[in-house]
Amino acid sequence: MRKENYIETTLLRELEKSGQTPAEIANLTGIERSVLSRFMSGERGLSVWAAAQLLRHFGYRITKGKG
């Protein structure tokens, strides 16, 4: 069992509420559909590149705070 990860949890939530199929998201992001399907089923994690593609797709931006 994987430890909870903020980015993974956020991306899974966004994927679920998007209403888009893994195939649609794959076409829009360049991530292979099989990679998305395995991630959504909890089988595998994502590469940093794939996570960044999904974050961009859902409108997230990573910023550094003070401290």
C-alpha atoms as a PDB file:
ATOM      1  CA  MET A   1       0.000   0.000   0.000  1.00  0.00           C
ATOM      2  CA  ARG A   2       1.376   3.387  -1.025  1.00  0.00           C
ATOM      3  CA  LYS A   3       1.670   6.292   1.366  1.00  0.00           C
ATOM      4  CA  GLU A   4      -0.676   9.159   0.573  1.00  0.00           C
ATOM      5  CA  ASN A   5       0.944  11.727  -1.666  1.00  0.00           C
ATOM      6  CA  TYR A   6      -0.551  15.216  -2.012  1.00  0.00           C
ATOM      7  CA  ILE A   7       0.160  15.548  -5.742  1.00  0.00           C
ATOM      8  CA  GLU A   8      -1.104  12.049  -6.578  1.00  0.00           C
ATOM      9  CA  THR A   9      -4.238  12.544  -4.477  1.00  0.00           C
ATOM     10  CA  THR A  10      -4.908  15.897  -6.128  1.00  0.00           C
ATOM     11  CA  LEU A  11      -4.425  14.490  -9.626  1.00  0.00           C
ATOM     12  CA  LEU A  12      -6.640  11.480  -8.959  1.00  0.00           C
ATOM     13  CA  ARG A  13      -9.385  13.767  -7.670  1.00  0.00           C
ATOM     14  CA  GLU A  14      -9.075  15.996 -10.762  1.00  0.00           C
ATOM     15  CA  LEU A  15      -9.135  12.996 -13.105  1.00  0.00           C
ATOM     16  CA  GLU A  16     -12.288  11.665 -11.451  1.00  0.00           C
ATOM     17  CA  LYS A  17     -14.194  14.930 -11.503  1.00  0.00           C
ATOM     18  CA  SER A  18     -13.077  15.923 -15.015  1.00  0.00           C
ATOM     19  CA  GLY A  19     -15.566  13.589 -16.681  1.00  0.00           C
ATOM     20  CA  GLN A  20     -12.941  12.845 -19.330  1.00  0.00           C
ATOM     21  CA  THR A  21     -11.855   9.348 -20.246  1.00  0.00           C
ATOM     22  CA  PRO A  22      -8.199   8.309 -19.989  1.00  0.00           C
ATOM     23  CA  ALA A  23      -8.141   8.253 -23.807  1.00  0.00           C
ATOM     24  CA  GLU A  24      -9.348  11.876 -24.017  1.00  0.00           C
ATOM     25  CA  ILE A  25      -6.833  13.063 -21.447  1.00  0.00           C
ATOM     26  CA  ALA A  26      -4.067  11.100 -23.183  1.00  0.00           C
ATOM     27  CA  ASN A  27      -4.861  12.866 -26.465  1.00  0.00           C
ATOM     28  CA  LEU A  28      -4.805  16.278 -24.780  1.00  0.00           C
ATOM     29  CA  THR A  29      -1.661  15.768 -22.682  1.00  0.00           C
ATOM     30  CA  GLY A  30       0.555  13.384 -24.633  1.00  0.00           C
ATOM     31  CA  ILE A  31       0.558  10.862 -21.782  1.00  0.00           C
ATOM     32  CA  GLU A  32      -0.068   7.279 -22.874  1.00  0.00           C
ATOM     33  CA  ARG A  33      -3.564   6.036 -22.057  1.00  0.00           C
ATOM     34  CA  SER A  34      -2.171   2.901 -20.424  1.00  0.00           C
ATOM     35  CA  VAL A  35      -0.067   5.048 -18.081  1.00  0.00           C
ATOM     36  CA  LEU A  36      -3.160   7.016 -17.035  1.00  0.00           C
ATOM     37  CA  SER A  37      -5.234   3.874 -16.568  1.00  0.00           C
ATOM     38  CA  ARG A  38      -2.591   2.214 -14.374  1.00  0.00           C
ATOM     39  CA  PHE A  39      -2.241   5.403 -12.325  1.00  0.00           C
ATOM     40  CA  MET A  40      -6.000   5.730 -11.864  1.00  0.00           C
ATOM     41  CA  SER A  41      -6.296   2.095 -10.760  1.00  0.00           C
ATOM     42  CA  GLY A  42      -3.528   2.547  -8.178  1.00  0.00           C
ATOM     43  CA  GLU A  43      -1.244   0.109  -9.970  1.00  0.00           C
ATOM     44  CA  ARG A  44       1.540   2.611 -10.703  1.00  0.00           C
ATOM     45  CA  GLY A  45       2.695   6.118  -9.987  1.00  0.00           C
ATOM     46  CA  LEU A  46       3.499   8.805 -12.534  1.00  0.00           C
ATOM     47  CA  SER A  47       6.753  10.180 -13.821  1.00  0.00           C
ATOM     48  CA  VAL A  48       7.501  13.794 -12.962  1.00  0.00           C
ATOM     49  CA  TRP A  49       6.885  14.687 -16.615  1.00  0.00           C
ATOM     50  CA  ALA A  50       3.447  13.036 -16.666  1.00  0.00           C
ATOM     51  CA  ALA A  51       2.472  14.647 -13.356  1.00  0.00           C
ATOM     52  CA  ALA A  52       3.535  18.045 -14.717  1.00  0.00           C
ATOM     53  CA  GLN A  53       1.469  17.485 -17.880  1.00  0.00           C
ATOM     54  CA  LEU A  54      -1.614  16.681 -15.805  1.00  0.00           C
ATOM     55  CA  LEU A  55      -1.069  19.622 -13.472  1.00  0.00           C
ATOM     56  CA  ARG A  56      -0.891  21.935 -16.504  1.00  0.00           C
ATOM     57  CA  HIS A  57      -3.953  20.278 -18.047  1.00  0.00           C
ATOM     58  CA  PHE A  58      -5.991  20.967 -14.907  1.00  0.00           C
ATOM     59  CA  GLY A  59      -4.726  24.544 -14.548  1.00  0.00           C
ATOM     60  CA  TYR A  60      -2.332  24.111 -11.619  1.00  0.00           C
ATOM     61  CA  ARG A  61       0.855  26.120 -11.204  1.00  0.00           C
ATOM     62  CA  ILE A  62       3.561  25.322  -8.692  1.00  0.00           C
ATOM     63  CA  THR A  63       4.967  28.335  -6.899  1.00  0.00           C
ATOM     64  CA  LYS A  64       7.535  28.657  -4.169  1.00  0.00           C
ATOM     65  CA  GLY A  65       6.475  30.349  -0.978  1.00  0.00           C
ATOM     66  CA  LYS A  66       8.661  32.273   1.412  1.00  0.00           C
ATOM     67  CA  GLY A  67      10.586  30.340   3.996  1.00  0.00           C
END
